[in-house]
Amino acid sequence: MTGSREHLHHLDYPLTLRILGDFLDYRSQPPVGCERTEYGAWVDWAALATSYLSSTEVAVVHVARGCAVAERHGGLPNSAATSVRRAIEQLTVGRGLTI
């Protein structure tokens, strides 16, 4: 992998790893930039975002990265969390997805 990797431990980044896990589970091979481990995953955000992904998949990577930043710093303020939740709900309406 290229760039700067960071290890996301499942105790520190459970929501981020859930997003990445759901995203990666349907793929036959993981994209460049994400390597699962026994305790979480090694992630190179730059390599992952520029890997062979569709534009929708790149959006998922950016959401996961934003979630990692929020988890690292104790979460989002309520006002921002509400806006993020509404935006994601709008994007998933009609696609059989729920939050």
PDB file of N, CA and C in Angstrom:
ATOM      1  N   MET A   1       0.839  -1.184   0.000  1.00  0.00           N
ATOM      2  CA  MET A   1       0.000   0.000   0.000  1.00  0.00           C
ATOM      3  C   MET A   1       0.882   1.244   0.000  1.00  0.00           C
ATOM      4  N   THR A   2       0.329   2.299  -0.509  1.00  0.00           N
ATOM      5  CA  THR A   2       1.082   3.547  -0.565  1.00  0.00           C
ATOM      6  C   THR A   2       0.552   4.515   0.481  1.00  0.00           C
ATOM      7  N   GLY A   3       1.301   5.573   0.699  1.00  0.00           N
ATOM      8  CA  GLY A   3       0.825   6.614   1.594  1.00  0.00           C
ATOM      9  C   GLY A   3       0.969   6.258   3.053  1.00  0.00           C
ATOM     10  N   SER A   4       0.123   6.844   3.866  1.00  0.00           N
ATOM     11  CA  SER A   4       0.194   6.670   5.306  1.00  0.00           C
ATOM     12  C   SER A   4      -0.939   5.764   5.785  1.00  0.00           C
ATOM     13  N   ARG A   5      -0.561   4.643   6.367  1.00  0.00           N
ATOM     14  CA  ARG A   5      -1.559   3.717   6.889  1.00  0.00           C
ATOM     15  C   ARG A   5      -1.773   3.969   8.370  1.00  0.00           C
ATOM     16  N   GLU A   6      -2.981   3.697   8.807  1.00  0.00           N
ATOM     17  CA  GLU A   6      -3.270   3.747  10.234  1.00  0.00           C
ATOM     18  C   GLU A   6      -4.074   2.504  10.578  1.00  0.00           C
ATOM     19  N   HIS A   7      -3.853   2.007  11.792  1.00  0.00           N
ATOM     20  CA  HIS A   7      -4.618   0.841  12.221  1.00  0.00           C
ATOM     21  C   HIS A   7      -5.838   1.315  12.996  1.00  0.00           C
ATOM     22  N   LEU A   8      -6.991   0.845  12.584  1.00  0.00           N
ATOM     23  CA  LEU A   8      -8.245   1.159  13.263  1.00  0.00           C
ATOM     24  C   LEU A   8      -8.606  -0.053  14.111  1.00  0.00           C
ATOM     25  N   HIS A   9      -8.514   0.082  15.413  1.00  0.00           N
ATOM     26  CA  HIS A   9      -8.812  -1.013  16.324  1.00  0.00           C
ATOM     27  C   HIS A   9     -10.323  -1.088  16.543  1.00  0.00           C
ATOM     28  N   HIS A  10     -10.858  -2.302  16.595  1.00  0.00           N
ATOM     29  CA  HIS A  10     -12.311  -2.458  16.691  1.00  0.00           C
ATOM     30  C   HIS A  10     -12.903  -1.860  17.970  1.00  0.00           C
ATOM     31  N   LEU A  11     -12.121  -1.712  19.029  1.00  0.00           N
ATOM     32  CA  LEU A  11     -12.635  -1.079  20.243  1.00  0.00           C
ATOM     33  C   LEU A  11     -12.709   0.437  20.128  1.00  0.00           C
ATOM     34  N   ASP A  12     -11.825   1.019  19.340  1.00  0.00           N
ATOM     35  CA  ASP A  12     -11.773   2.473  19.192  1.00  0.00           C
ATOM     36  C   ASP A  12     -12.588   3.001  18.021  1.00  0.00           C
ATOM     37  N   TYR A  13     -12.789   2.178  17.006  1.00  0.00           N
ATOM     38  CA  TYR A  13     -13.461   2.619  15.776  1.00  0.00           C
ATOM     39  C   TYR A  13     -14.557   1.638  15.343  1.00  0.00           C
ATOM     40  N   PRO A  14     -15.474   1.273  16.231  1.00  0.00           N
ATOM     41  CA  PRO A  14     -16.461   0.257  15.858  1.00  0.00           C
ATOM     42  C   PRO A  14     -17.391   0.679  14.715  1.00  0.00           C
ATOM     43  N   LEU A  15     -17.798   1.929  14.698  1.00  0.00           N
ATOM     44  CA  LEU A  15     -18.716   2.383  13.653  1.00  0.00           C
ATOM     45  C   LEU A  15     -18.015   2.482  12.304  1.00  0.00           C
ATOM     46  N   THR A  16     -16.815   3.001  12.302  1.00  0.00           N
ATOM     47  CA  THR A  16     -16.043   3.099  11.064  1.00  0.00           C
ATOM     48  C   THR A  16     -15.802   1.719  10.484  1.00  0.00           C
ATOM     49  N   LEU A  17     -15.397   0.776  11.333  1.00  0.00           N
ATOM     50  CA  LEU A  17     -15.123  -0.579  10.854  1.00  0.00           C
ATOM     51  C   LEU A  17     -16.395  -1.277  10.378  1.00  0.00           C
ATOM     52  N   ARG A  18     -17.538  -0.947  10.970  1.00  0.00           N
ATOM     53  CA  ARG A  18     -18.801  -1.513  10.499  1.00  0.00           C
ATOM     54  C   ARG A  18     -19.102  -1.010   9.084  1.00  0.00           C
ATOM     55  N   ILE A  19     -18.887   0.288   8.847  1.00  0.00           N
ATOM     56  CA  ILE A  19     -19.105   0.837   7.502  1.00  0.00           C
ATOM     57  C   ILE A  19     -18.168   0.171   6.505  1.00  0.00           C
ATOM     58  N   LEU A  20     -16.889   0.121   6.833  1.00  0.00           N
ATOM     59  CA  LEU A  20     -15.919  -0.498   5.930  1.00  0.00           C
ATOM     60  C   LEU A  20     -16.209  -1.980   5.737  1.00  0.00           C
ATOM     61  N   GLY A  21     -16.585  -2.668   6.805  1.00  0.00           N
ATOM     62  CA  GLY A  21     -16.894  -4.091   6.710  1.00  0.00           C
ATOM     63  C   GLY A  21     -18.082  -4.363   5.806  1.00  0.00           C
ATOM     64  N   ASP A  22     -19.153  -3.598   5.984  1.00  0.00           N
ATOM     65  CA  ASP A  22     -20.329  -3.768   5.128  1.00  0.00           C
ATOM     66  C   ASP A  22     -19.984  -3.474   3.669  1.00  0.00           C
ATOM     67  N   PHE A  23     -19.157  -2.472   3.475  1.00  0.00           N
ATOM     68  CA  PHE A  23     -18.720  -2.079   2.133  1.00  0.00           C
ATOM     69  C   PHE A  23     -17.861  -3.170   1.496  1.00  0.00           C
ATOM     70  N   LEU A  24     -16.974  -3.771   2.275  1.00  0.00           N
ATOM     71  CA  LEU A  24     -16.030  -4.750   1.730  1.00  0.00           C
ATOM     72  C   LEU A  24     -16.607  -6.159   1.629  1.00  0.00           C
ATOM     73  N   ASP A  25     -17.613  -6.467   2.423  1.00  0.00           N
ATOM     74  CA  ASP A  25     -18.134  -7.834   2.478  1.00  0.00           C
ATOM     75  C   ASP A  25     -18.656  -8.347   1.141  1.00  0.00           C
ATOM     76  N   TYR A  26     -19.200  -7.485   0.316  1.00  0.00           N
ATOM     77  CA  TYR A  26     -19.764  -7.954  -0.947  1.00  0.00           C
ATOM     78  C   TYR A  26     -18.716  -8.064  -2.055  1.00  0.00           C
ATOM     79  N   ARG A  27     -17.511  -7.608  -1.814  1.00  0.00           N
ATOM     80  CA  ARG A  27     -16.462  -7.629  -2.834  1.00  0.00           C
ATOM     81  C   ARG A  27     -15.695  -8.948  -2.792  1.00  0.00           C
ATOM     82  N   SER A  28     -15.318  -9.462  -3.964  1.00  0.00           N
ATOM     83  CA  SER A  28     -14.532 -10.697  -4.003  1.00  0.00           C
ATOM     84  C   SER A  28     -13.093 -10.451  -3.547  1.00  0.00           C
ATOM     85  N   GLN A  29     -12.565  -9.266  -3.827  1.00  0.00           N
ATOM     86  CA  GLN A  29     -11.226  -8.872  -3.376  1.00  0.00           C
ATOM     87  C   GLN A  29     -11.305  -7.485  -2.772  1.00  0.00           C
ATOM     88  N   PRO A  30     -10.609  -7.291  -1.647  1.00  0.00           N
ATOM     89  CA  PRO A  30     -10.636  -5.939  -1.061  1.00  0.00           C
ATOM     90  C   PRO A  30      -9.894  -4.952  -1.953  1.00  0.00           C
ATOM     91  N   PRO A  31     -10.348  -3.715  -1.998  1.00  0.00           N
ATOM     92  CA  PRO A  31      -9.642  -2.711  -2.790  1.00  0.00           C
ATOM     93  C   PRO A  31      -8.308  -2.355  -2.141  1.00  0.00           C
ATOM     94  N   VAL A  32      -7.433  -1.788  -2.923  1.00  0.00           N
ATOM     95  CA  VAL A  32      -6.145  -1.320  -2.407  1.00  0.00           C
ATOM     96  C   VAL A  32      -6.418  -0.257  -1.346  1.00  0.00           C
ATOM     97  N   GLY A  33      -5.758  -0.387  -0.203  1.00  0.00           N
ATOM     98  CA  GLY A  33      -5.895   0.622   0.839  1.00  0.00           C
ATOM     99  C   GLY A  33      -6.587   0.142   2.093  1.00  0.00           C
ATOM    100  N   CYS A  34      -7.089  -1.081   2.095  1.00  0.00           N
ATOM    101  CA  CYS A  34      -7.765  -1.593   3.283  1.00  0.00           C
ATOM    102  C   CYS A  34      -7.418  -3.064   3.473  1.00  0.00           C
ATOM    103  N   GLU A  35      -6.881  -3.369   4.633  1.00  0.00           N
ATOM    104  CA  GLU A  35      -6.477  -4.739   4.942  1.00  0.00           C
ATOM    105  C   GLU A  35      -7.004  -5.095   6.328  1.00  0.00           C
ATOM    106  N   ARG A  36      -7.912  -6.056   6.393  1.00  0.00           N
ATOM    107  CA  ARG A  36      -8.474  -6.468   7.675  1.00  0.00           C
ATOM    108  C   ARG A  36      -7.421  -7.183   8.515  1.00  0.00           C
ATOM    109  N   THR A  37      -7.564  -7.016   9.823  1.00  0.00           N
ATOM    110  CA  THR A  37      -6.699  -7.722  10.766  1.00  0.00           C
ATOM    111  C   THR A  37      -7.585  -8.375  11.815  1.00  0.00           C
ATOM    112  N   GLU A  38      -6.975  -9.136  12.676  1.00  0.00           N
ATOM    113  CA  GLU A  38      -7.713  -9.789  13.755  1.00  0.00           C
ATOM    114  C   GLU A  38      -8.360  -8.763  14.682  1.00  0.00           C
ATOM    115  N   TYR A  39      -7.748  -7.599  14.805  1.00  0.00           N
ATOM    116  CA  TYR A  39      -8.206  -6.591  15.761  1.00  0.00           C
ATOM    117  C   TYR A  39      -8.800  -5.342  15.120  1.00  0.00           C
ATOM    118  N   GLY A  40      -9.021  -5.347  13.823  1.00  0.00           N
ATOM    119  CA  GLY A  40      -9.565  -4.185  13.141  1.00  0.00           C
ATOM    120  C   GLY A  40      -9.159  -4.175  11.693  1.00  0.00           C
ATOM    121  N   ALA A  41      -8.490  -3.103  11.274  1.00  0.00           N
ATOM    122  CA  ALA A  41      -8.046  -3.004   9.876  1.00  0.00           C
ATOM    123  C   ALA A  41      -6.957  -1.955   9.743  1.00  0.00           C
ATOM    124  N   TRP A  42      -6.030  -2.210   8.819  1.00  0.00           N
ATOM    125  CA  TRP A  42      -5.073  -1.194   8.378  1.00  0.00           C
ATOM    126  C   TRP A  42      -5.735  -0.453   7.234  1.00  0.00           C
ATOM    127  N   VAL A  43      -5.764   0.869   7.324  1.00  0.00           N
ATOM    128  CA  VAL A  43      -6.412   1.667   6.283  1.00  0.00           C
ATOM    129  C   VAL A  43      -5.460   2.756   5.804  1.00  0.00           C
ATOM    130  N   ASP A  44      -5.341   2.867   4.501  1.00  0.00           N
ATOM    131  CA  ASP A  44      -4.653   3.983   3.848  1.00  0.00           C
ATOM    132  C   ASP A  44      -5.761   4.722   3.101  1.00  0.00           C
ATOM    133  N   TRP A  45      -6.263   5.793   3.707  1.00  0.00           N
ATOM    134  CA  TRP A  45      -7.436   6.486   3.172  1.00  0.00           C
ATOM    135  C   TRP A  45      -7.206   7.004   1.755  1.00  0.00           C
ATOM    136  N   ALA A  46      -6.030   7.551   1.478  1.00  0.00           N
ATOM    137  CA  ALA A  46      -5.751   8.094   0.142  1.00  0.00           C
ATOM    138  C   ALA A  46      -5.747   6.974  -0.901  1.00  0.00           C
ATOM    139  N   ALA A  47      -5.077   5.874  -0.591  1.00  0.00           N
ATOM    140  CA  ALA A  47      -5.037   4.750  -1.532  1.00  0.00           C
ATOM    141  C   ALA A  47      -6.431   4.157  -1.717  1.00  0.00           C
ATOM    142  N   LEU A  48      -7.183   4.063  -0.639  1.00  0.00           N
ATOM    143  CA  LEU A  48      -8.527   3.500  -0.726  1.00  0.00           C
ATOM    144  C   LEU A  48      -9.442   4.365  -1.576  1.00  0.00           C
ATOM    145  N   ALA A  49      -9.378   5.677  -1.376  1.00  0.00           N
ATOM    146  CA  ALA A  49     -10.253   6.593  -2.124  1.00  0.00           C
ATOM    147  C   ALA A  49      -9.898   6.671  -3.605  1.00  0.00           C
ATOM    148  N   THR A  50      -8.670   6.295  -3.958  1.00  0.00           N
ATOM    149  CA  THR A  50      -8.267   6.346  -5.370  1.00  0.00           C
ATOM    150  C   THR A  50      -8.112   4.950  -5.961  1.00  0.00           C
ATOM    151  N   SER A  51      -8.578   3.945  -5.226  1.00  0.00           N
ATOM    152  CA  SER A  51      -8.533   2.565  -5.709  1.00  0.00           C
ATOM    153  C   SER A  51      -9.557   2.403  -6.834  1.00  0.00           C
ATOM    154  N   TYR A  52      -9.690   1.214  -7.346  1.00  0.00           N
ATOM    155  CA  TYR A  52     -10.611   0.929  -8.441  1.00  0.00           C
ATOM    156  C   TYR A  52     -12.046   0.832  -7.909  1.00  0.00           C
ATOM    157  N   LEU A  53     -12.610   1.976  -7.548  1.00  0.00           N
ATOM    158  CA  LEU A  53     -13.947   2.040  -6.970  1.00  0.00           C
ATOM    159  C   LEU A  53     -14.858   2.904  -7.825  1.00  0.00           C
ATOM    160  N   SER A  54     -16.136   2.614  -7.728  1.00  0.00           N
ATOM    161  CA  SER A  54     -17.108   3.487  -8.388  1.00  0.00           C
ATOM    162  C   SER A  54     -17.212   4.784  -7.586  1.00  0.00           C
ATOM    163  N   SER A  55     -17.841   5.791  -8.163  1.00  0.00           N
ATOM    164  CA  SER A  55     -17.976   7.067  -7.449  1.00  0.00           C
ATOM    165  C   SER A  55     -18.824   6.899  -6.190  1.00  0.00           C
ATOM    166  N   THR A  56     -19.807   6.015  -6.213  1.00  0.00           N
ATOM    167  CA  THR A  56     -20.621   5.759  -5.029  1.00  0.00           C
ATOM    168  C   THR A  56     -19.788   5.091  -3.943  1.00  0.00           C
ATOM    169  N   GLU A  57     -18.919   4.159  -4.335  1.00  0.00           N
ATOM    170  CA  GLU A  57     -18.048   3.504  -3.365  1.00  0.00           C
ATOM    171  C   GLU A  57     -17.050   4.489  -2.762  1.00  0.00           C
ATOM    172  N   VAL A  58     -16.559   5.411  -3.568  1.00  0.00           N
ATOM    173  CA  VAL A  58     -15.657   6.446  -3.051  1.00  0.00           C
ATOM    174  C   VAL A  58     -16.399   7.291  -2.010  1.00  0.00           C
ATOM    175  N   ALA A  59     -17.677   7.570  -2.250  1.00  0.00           N
ATOM    176  CA  ALA A  59     -18.471   8.322  -1.271  1.00  0.00           C
ATOM    177  C   ALA A  59     -18.556   7.567   0.052  1.00  0.00           C
ATOM    178  N   VAL A  60     -18.713   6.253  -0.006  1.00  0.00           N
ATOM    179  CA  VAL A  60     -18.751   5.444   1.213  1.00  0.00           C
ATOM    180  C   VAL A  60     -17.425   5.550   1.959  1.00  0.00           C
ATOM    181  N   VAL A  61     -16.321   5.535   1.230  1.00  0.00           N
ATOM    182  CA  VAL A  61     -14.998   5.673   1.840  1.00  0.00           C
ATOM    183  C   VAL A  61     -14.891   7.015   2.561  1.00  0.00           C
ATOM    184  N   HIS A  62     -15.371   8.070   1.938  1.00  0.00           N
ATOM    185  CA  HIS A  62     -15.303   9.395   2.571  1.00  0.00           C
ATOM    186  C   HIS A  62     -16.187   9.463   3.817  1.00  0.00           C
ATOM    187  N   VAL A  63     -17.356   8.836   3.765  1.00  0.00           N
ATOM    188  CA  VAL A  63     -18.224   8.791   4.951  1.00  0.00           C
ATOM    189  C   VAL A  63     -17.527   8.025   6.072  1.00  0.00           C
ATOM    190  N   ALA A  64     -16.905   6.893   5.734  1.00  0.00           N
ATOM    191  CA  ALA A  64     -16.188   6.100   6.737  1.00  0.00           C
ATOM    192  C   ALA A  64     -15.039   6.899   7.341  1.00  0.00           C
ATOM    193  N   ARG A  65     -14.335   7.630   6.507  1.00  0.00           N
ATOM    194  CA  ARG A  65     -13.215   8.440   7.021  1.00  0.00           C
ATOM    195  C   ARG A  65     -13.718   9.535   7.949  1.00  0.00           C
ATOM    196  N   GLY A  66     -14.813  10.164   7.584  1.00  0.00           N
ATOM    197  CA  GLY A  66     -15.412  11.173   8.457  1.00  0.00           C
ATOM    198  C   GLY A  66     -15.854  10.570   9.784  1.00  0.00           C
ATOM    199  N   CYS A  67     -16.397   9.368   9.722  1.00  0.00           N
ATOM    200  CA  CYS A  67     -16.799   8.670  10.935  1.00  0.00           C
ATOM    201  C   CYS A  67     -15.580   8.383  11.804  1.00  0.00           C
ATOM    202  N   ALA A  68     -14.464   7.982  11.184  1.00  0.00           N
ATOM    203  CA  ALA A  68     -13.236   7.707  11.943  1.00  0.00           C
ATOM    204  C   ALA A  68     -12.752   8.966  12.667  1.00  0.00           C
ATOM    205  N   VAL A  69     -12.813  10.096  11.999  1.00  0.00           N
ATOM    206  CA  VAL A  69     -12.398  11.354  12.628  1.00  0.00           C
ATOM    207  C   VAL A  69     -13.309  11.654  13.818  1.00  0.00           C
ATOM    208  N   ALA A  70     -14.615  11.484  13.626  1.00  0.00           N
ATOM    209  CA  ALA A  70     -15.560  11.750  14.710  1.00  0.00           C
ATOM    210  C   ALA A  70     -15.331  10.798  15.883  1.00  0.00           C
ATOM    211  N   GLU A  71     -15.110   9.511  15.594  1.00  0.00           N
ATOM    212  CA  GLU A  71     -14.863   8.551  16.675  1.00  0.00           C
ATOM    213  C   GLU A  71     -13.576   8.886  17.421  1.00  0.00           C
ATOM    214  N   ARG A  72     -12.558   9.304  16.696  1.00  0.00           N
ATOM    215  CA  ARG A  72     -11.271   9.649  17.307  1.00  0.00           C
ATOM    216  C   ARG A  72     -11.425  10.812  18.290  1.00  0.00           C
ATOM    217  N   HIS A  73     -12.362  11.725  17.998  1.00  0.00           N
ATOM    218  CA  HIS A  73     -12.505  12.933  18.810  1.00  0.00           C
ATOM    219  C   HIS A  73     -13.761  12.940  19.673  1.00  0.00           C
ATOM    220  N   GLY A  74     -14.345  11.782  19.910  1.00  0.00           N
ATOM    221  CA  GLY A  74     -15.458  11.698  20.855  1.00  0.00           C
ATOM    222  C   GLY A  74     -16.844  11.860  20.280  1.00  0.00           C
ATOM    223  N   GLY A  75     -16.981  11.911  18.972  1.00  0.00           N
ATOM    224  CA  GLY A  75     -18.309  11.984  18.360  1.00  0.00           C
ATOM    225  C   GLY A  75     -18.634  13.351  17.798  1.00  0.00           C
ATOM    226  N   LEU A  76     -19.804  13.426  17.195  1.00  0.00           N
ATOM    227  CA  LEU A  76     -20.273  14.667  16.572  1.00  0.00           C
ATOM    228  C   LEU A  76     -21.175  15.437  17.534  1.00  0.00           C
ATOM    229  N   PRO A  77     -21.185  16.759  17.422  1.00  0.00           N
ATOM    230  CA  PRO A  77     -22.173  17.522  18.180  1.00  0.00           C
ATOM    231  C   PRO A  77     -23.575  17.145  17.684  1.00  0.00           C
ATOM    232  N   ASN A  78     -24.569  17.254  18.545  1.00  0.00           N
ATOM    233  CA  ASN A  78     -25.934  16.848  18.178  1.00  0.00           C
ATOM    234  C   ASN A  78     -26.435  17.512  16.906  1.00  0.00           C
ATOM    235  N   SER A  79     -26.161  18.794  16.729  1.00  0.00           N
ATOM    236  CA  SER A  79     -26.665  19.496  15.545  1.00  0.00           C
ATOM    237  C   SER A  79     -26.054  18.919  14.269  1.00  0.00           C
ATOM    238  N   ALA A  80     -24.778  18.622  14.284  1.00  0.00           N
ATOM    239  CA  ALA A  80     -24.128  18.045  13.108  1.00  0.00           C
ATOM    240  C   ALA A  80     -24.587  16.607  12.896  1.00  0.00           C
ATOM    241  N   ALA A  81     -24.732  15.851  13.970  1.00  0.00           N
ATOM    242  CA  ALA A  81     -25.168  14.453  13.858  1.00  0.00           C
ATOM    243  C   ALA A  81     -26.541  14.371  13.195  1.00  0.00           C
ATOM    244  N   THR A  82     -27.425  15.276  13.569  1.00  0.00           N
ATOM    245  CA  THR A  82     -28.758  15.293  12.977  1.00  0.00           C
ATOM    246  C   THR A  82     -28.685  15.564  11.477  1.00  0.00           C
ATOM    247  N   SER A  83     -27.872  16.509  11.076  1.00  0.00           N
ATOM    248  CA  SER A  83     -27.727  16.834   9.656  1.00  0.00           C
ATOM    249  C   SER A  83     -27.117  15.678   8.871  1.00  0.00           C
ATOM    250  N   VAL A  84     -26.096  15.044   9.433  1.00  0.00           N
ATOM    251  CA  VAL A  84     -25.461  13.905   8.764  1.00  0.00           C
ATOM    252  C   VAL A  84     -26.463  12.772   8.617  1.00  0.00           C
ATOM    253  N   ARG A  85     -27.199  12.471   9.670  1.00  0.00           N
ATOM    254  CA  ARG A  85     -28.203  11.404   9.630  1.00  0.00           C
ATOM    255  C   ARG A  85     -29.246  11.679   8.549  1.00  0.00           C
ATOM    256  N   ARG A  86     -29.729  12.906   8.493  1.00  0.00           N
ATOM    257  CA  ARG A  86     -30.745  13.266   7.475  1.00  0.00           C
ATOM    258  C   ARG A  86     -30.187  13.123   6.068  1.00  0.00           C
ATOM    259  N   ALA A  87     -28.959  13.567   5.859  1.00  0.00           N
ATOM    260  CA  ALA A  87     -28.348  13.473   4.530  1.00  0.00           C
ATOM    261  C   ALA A  87     -28.208  12.015   4.101  1.00  0.00           C
ATOM    262  N   ILE A  88     -27.752  11.174   4.989  1.00  0.00           N
ATOM    263  CA  ILE A  88     -27.572   9.760   4.633  1.00  0.00           C
ATOM    264  C   ILE A  88     -28.921   9.091   4.418  1.00  0.00           C
ATOM    265  N   GLU A  89     -29.905   9.430   5.222  1.00  0.00           N
ATOM    266  CA  GLU A  89     -31.247   8.877   5.009  1.00  0.00           C
ATOM    267  C   GLU A  89     -31.778   9.271   3.639  1.00  0.00           C
ATOM    268  N   GLN A  90     -31.547  10.520   3.226  1.00  0.00           N
ATOM    269  CA  GLN A  90     -31.990  10.975   1.902  1.00  0.00           C
ATOM    270  C   GLN A  90     -31.309  10.177   0.791  1.00  0.00           C
ATOM    271  N   LEU A  91     -30.052   9.852   0.993  1.00  0.00           N
ATOM    272  CA  LEU A  91     -29.305   9.107  -0.023  1.00  0.00           C
ATOM    273  C   LEU A  91     -29.717   7.644  -0.109  1.00  0.00           C
ATOM    274  N   THR A  92     -30.278   7.099   0.976  1.00  0.00           N
ATOM    275  CA  THR A  92     -30.614   5.678   0.983  1.00  0.00           C
ATOM    276  C   THR A  92     -32.079   5.406   0.735  1.00  0.00           C
ATOM    277  N   VAL A  93     -32.924   6.416   0.672  1.00  0.00           N
ATOM    278  CA  VAL A  93     -34.342   6.223   0.438  1.00  0.00           C
ATOM    279  C   VAL A  93     -34.561   5.516  -0.895  1.00  0.00           C
ATOM    280  N   GLY A  94     -35.391   4.494  -0.863  1.00  0.00           N
ATOM    281  CA  GLY A  94     -35.720   3.782  -2.091  1.00  0.00           C
ATOM    282  C   GLY A  94     -34.693   2.738  -2.496  1.00  0.00           C
ATOM    283  N   ARG A  95     -33.668   2.573  -1.713  1.00  0.00           N
ATOM    284  CA  ARG A  95     -32.638   1.602  -2.054  1.00  0.00           C
ATOM    285  C   ARG A  95     -32.659   0.410  -1.098  1.00  0.00           C
ATOM    286  N   GLY A  96     -33.663   0.354  -0.220  1.00  0.00           N
ATOM    287  CA  GLY A  96     -33.773  -0.753   0.709  1.00  0.00           C
ATOM    288  C   GLY A  96     -32.732  -0.694   1.824  1.00  0.00           C
ATOM    289  N   LEU A  97     -32.134   0.459   2.037  1.00  0.00           N
ATOM    290  CA  LEU A  97     -31.112   0.602   3.072  1.00  0.00           C
ATOM    291  C   LEU A  97     -31.681   1.391   4.235  1.00  0.00           C
ATOM    292  N   THR A  98     -31.220   1.073   5.412  1.00  0.00           N
ATOM    293  CA  THR A  98     -31.646   1.826   6.594  1.00  0.00           C
ATOM    294  C   THR A  98     -30.426   2.121   7.444  1.00  0.00           C
ATOM    295  N   ILE A  99     -30.584   3.087   8.288  1.00  0.00           N
ATOM    296  CA  ILE A  99     -29.489   3.457   9.209  1.00  0.00           C
ATOM    297  C   ILE A  99     -29.796   2.881  10.563  1.00  0.00           C
TER     298      ILE A  99
END
